[in-house]
C-alpha atoms as a PDB file:
ATOM      1  CA  MET A   1       0.000   0.000   0.000  1.00  0.00           C
ATOM      2  CA  ASP A   2       2.905   2.325   0.705  1.00  0.00           C
ATOM      3  CA  HIS A   3       4.845   1.447  -2.437  1.00  0.00           C
ATOM      4  CA  PHE A   4       4.635   2.212  -6.122  1.00  0.00           C
ATOM      5  CA  PRO A   5       4.238  -0.847  -8.389  1.00  0.00           C
ATOM      6  CA  SER A   6       7.862  -0.545  -9.514  1.00  0.00           C
ATOM      7  CA  GLN A   7       8.956  -0.956  -5.878  1.00  0.00           C
ATOM      8  CA  LEU A   8       7.246  -4.326  -5.535  1.00  0.00           C
ATOM      9  CA  SER A   9       8.718  -7.715  -6.369  1.00  0.00           C
ATOM     10  CA  GLY A  10       7.556  -9.481  -9.519  1.00  0.00           C
ATOM     11  CA  GLY A  11       5.363 -11.826  -7.480  1.00  0.00           C
ATOM     12  CA  GLU A  12       3.822  -8.936  -5.557  1.00  0.00           C
ATOM     13  CA  GLN A  13       3.127  -7.082  -8.797  1.00  0.00           C
ATOM     14  CA  GLN A  14       1.447 -10.188 -10.174  1.00  0.00           C
ATOM     15  CA  ARG A  15      -0.777 -10.571  -7.101  1.00  0.00           C
ATOM     16  CA  VAL A  16      -1.734  -6.882  -7.249  1.00  0.00           C
ATOM     17  CA  ALA A  17      -2.653  -7.252 -10.929  1.00  0.00           C
ATOM     18  CA  ILE A  18      -4.913 -10.200 -10.104  1.00  0.00           C
ATOM     19  CA  ALA A  19      -6.533  -8.277  -7.234  1.00  0.00           C
ATOM     20  CA  ARG A  20      -7.179  -5.292  -9.513  1.00  0.00           C
ATOM     21  CA  ALA A  21      -8.787  -7.515 -12.128  1.00  0.00           C
ATOM     22  CA  VAL A  22     -10.976  -9.302  -9.566  1.00  0.00           C
ATOM     23  CA  ALA A  23     -12.039  -6.021  -7.899  1.00  0.00           C
ATOM     24  CA  LYS A  24     -13.915  -5.097 -11.074  1.00  0.00           C
ATOM     25  CA  ARG A  25     -16.085  -8.235 -10.686  1.00  0.00           C
ATOM     26  CA  PRO A  26     -15.768  -9.254 -14.329  1.00  0.00           C
ATOM     27  CA  ASP A  27     -18.019 -11.802 -16.006  1.00  0.00           C
ATOM     28  CA  VAL A  28     -14.936 -13.382 -17.579  1.00  0.00           C
ATOM     29  CA  LEU A  29     -11.432 -13.432 -16.128  1.00  0.00           C
ATOM     30  CA  LEU A  30      -8.552 -14.279 -18.485  1.00  0.00           C
ATOM     31  CA  CYS A  31      -5.411 -15.280 -16.609  1.00  0.00           C
ATOM     32  CA  ASP A  32      -2.253 -15.702 -18.676  1.00  0.00           C
ATOM     33  CA  GLU A  33       0.342 -17.615 -16.633  1.00  0.00           C
ATOM     34  CA  PRO A  34      -0.924 -16.311 -13.250  1.00  0.00           C
ATOM     35  CA  THR A  35       1.594 -18.456 -11.365  1.00  0.00           C
ATOM     36  CA  GLY A  36       4.495 -18.049 -13.790  1.00  0.00           C
ATOM     37  CA  ALA A  37       6.776 -15.885 -11.633  1.00  0.00           C
ATOM     38  CA  LEU A  38       5.712 -17.331  -8.290  1.00  0.00           C
ATOM     39  CA  ASP A  39       7.052 -19.988  -5.960  1.00  0.00           C
ATOM     40  CA  SER A  40       4.769 -23.004  -5.545  1.00  0.00           C
ATOM     41  CA  LYS A  41       3.333 -21.908  -2.165  1.00  0.00           C
ATOM     42  CA  THR A  42       2.334 -18.477  -3.471  1.00  0.00           C
ATOM     43  CA  GLY A  43       1.162 -20.010  -6.744  1.00  0.00           C
ATOM     44  CA  ILE A  44      -1.209 -22.286  -4.861  1.00  0.00           C
ATOM     45  CA  ARG A  45      -2.601 -19.277  -2.959  1.00  0.00           C
ATOM     46  CA  VAL A  46      -3.199 -17.502  -6.277  1.00  0.00           C
ATOM     47  CA  ILE A  47      -4.980 -20.545  -7.723  1.00  0.00           C
ATOM     48  CA  GLU A  48      -7.098 -20.794  -4.561  1.00  0.00           C
ATOM     49  CA  ALA A  49      -8.043 -17.109  -4.930  1.00  0.00           C
ATOM     50  CA  LEU A  50      -8.990 -17.587  -8.590  1.00  0.00           C
ATOM     51  CA  LEU A  51     -11.095 -20.637  -7.750  1.00  0.00           C
ATOM     52  CA  SER A  52     -12.799 -18.662  -4.997  1.00  0.00           C
ATOM     53  CA  VAL A  53     -13.640 -15.847  -7.420  1.00  0.00           C
ATOM     54  CA  ASN A  54     -14.956 -18.420  -9.873  1.00  0.00           C
ATOM     55  CA  SER A  55     -17.162 -20.019  -7.250  1.00  0.00           C
ATOM     56  CA  GLN A  56     -18.367 -17.003  -5.264  1.00  0.00           C
ATOM     57  CA  LEU A  57     -18.760 -14.422  -8.027  1.00  0.00           C
ATOM     58  CA  ARG A  58     -19.694 -16.960 -10.724  1.00  0.00           C
ATOM     59  CA  THR A  59     -16.928 -15.525 -12.875  1.00  0.00           C
ATOM     60  CA  THR A  60     -15.928 -17.619 -15.868  1.00  0.00           C
ATOM     61  CA  THR A  61     -12.212 -18.063 -15.286  1.00  0.00           C
ATOM     62  CA  LEU A  62      -9.764 -19.124 -17.981  1.00  0.00           C
ATOM     63  CA  ILE A  63      -6.244 -19.958 -16.887  1.00  0.00           C
ATOM     64  CA  ILE A  64      -3.668 -20.208 -19.639  1.00  0.00           C
ATOM     65  CA  THR A  65      -0.549 -21.981 -18.402  1.00  0.00           C
ATOM     66  CA  HIS A  66       2.288 -24.303 -19.244  1.00  0.00           C
ATOM     67  CA  ASN A  67       2.091 -25.704 -15.703  1.00  0.00           C
ATOM     68  CA  ALA A  68       0.397 -29.051 -16.328  1.00  0.00           C
ATOM     69  CA  SER A  69      -0.376 -29.702 -12.651  1.00  0.00           C
ATOM     70  CA  ILE A  70      -2.868 -26.808 -12.569  1.00  0.00           C
ATOM     71  CA  GLN A  71      -5.190 -28.690 -14.937  1.00  0.00           C
ATOM     72  CA  ASP A  72      -6.294 -30.892 -12.049  1.00  0.00           C
ATOM     73  CA  VAL A  73      -8.315 -28.046 -10.433  1.00  0.00           C
ATOM     74  CA  ALA A  74     -10.253 -27.177 -13.598  1.00  0.00           C
ATOM     75  CA  ASP A  75     -13.738 -28.148 -14.701  1.00  0.00           C
ATOM     76  CA  ARG A  76     -12.546 -28.450 -18.293  1.00  0.00           C
ATOM     77  CA  VAL A  77      -9.097 -28.513 -19.832  1.00  0.00           C
ATOM     78  CA  PHE A  78      -8.494 -27.329 -23.392  1.00  0.00           C
ATOM     79  CA  PHE A  79      -5.347 -28.520 -25.136  1.00  0.00           C
ATOM     80  CA  PHE A  80      -3.912 -26.535 -28.029  1.00  0.00           C
ATOM     81  CA  ALA A  81      -1.666 -27.554 -30.896  1.00  0.00           C
ATOM     82  CA  ASP A  82      -0.666 -25.438 -33.869  1.00  0.00           C
ATOM     83  CA  GLY A  83      -2.955 -22.585 -32.793  1.00  0.00           C
ATOM     84  CA  GLN A  84      -6.100 -24.716 -32.551  1.00  0.00           C
ATOM     85  CA  ILE A  85      -7.946 -26.658 -29.876  1.00  0.00           C
ATOM     86  CA  SER A  86      -6.735 -30.226 -30.263  1.00  0.00           C
ATOM     87  CA  ARG A  87      -8.646 -31.807 -27.394  1.00  0.00           C
ATOM     88  CA  ILE A  88     -11.056 -30.935 -24.577  1.00  0.00           C
ATOM     89  CA  ARG A  89     -11.187 -32.946 -21.381  1.00  0.00           C
ATOM     90  CA  LYS A  90     -13.780 -32.628 -18.630  1.00  0.00           C
ATOM     91  CA  ASN A  91     -12.428 -33.360 -15.156  1.00  0.00           C
ATOM     92  CA  GLU A  92     -14.791 -35.748 -13.401  1.00  0.00           C
ATOM     93  CA  SER A  93     -13.059 -35.228 -10.063  1.00  0.00           C
ATOM     94  CA  ARG A  94     -11.204 -32.012  -9.393  1.00  0.00           C
ATOM     95  CA  ARG A  95      -8.338 -31.651  -6.934  1.00  0.00           C
ATOM     96  CA  ALA A  96      -8.056 -28.877  -4.383  1.00  0.00           C
ATOM     97  CA  ALA A  97      -5.399 -26.282  -5.132  1.00  0.00           C
ATOM     98  CA  ALA A  98      -3.662 -27.149  -1.848  1.00  0.00           C
ATOM     99  CA  GLU A  99      -2.968 -30.632  -3.271  1.00  0.00           C
ATOM    100  CA  LEU A 100      -0.993 -29.296  -6.248  1.00  0.00           C
ATOM    101  CA  THR A 101       2.762 -29.626  -6.500  1.00  0.00           C
ATOM    102  CA  TRP A 102       5.196 -28.309  -9.072  1.00  0.00           C
END
């Protein structure tokens, strides 16, 4: 609160960006690598926050990531190849974010 964005760490800047996006209560939230610059513990907290927003605010949340372990918390997983959707998988049983490791 007492710092300019440039005075924050990369992870702090990322969390602030997510908070700013969520504060607007969007219908759709697009998250491009939301855990990319974070350690696993902080990344799990971010995923938990995004899942909470999805559940409580009914926000459609899309998480684009190269982190394959995150797919276990999703309702549906879209796989891309050569710029197109190559496969869609529906998760019958989702894992809690706290169970993720990477």
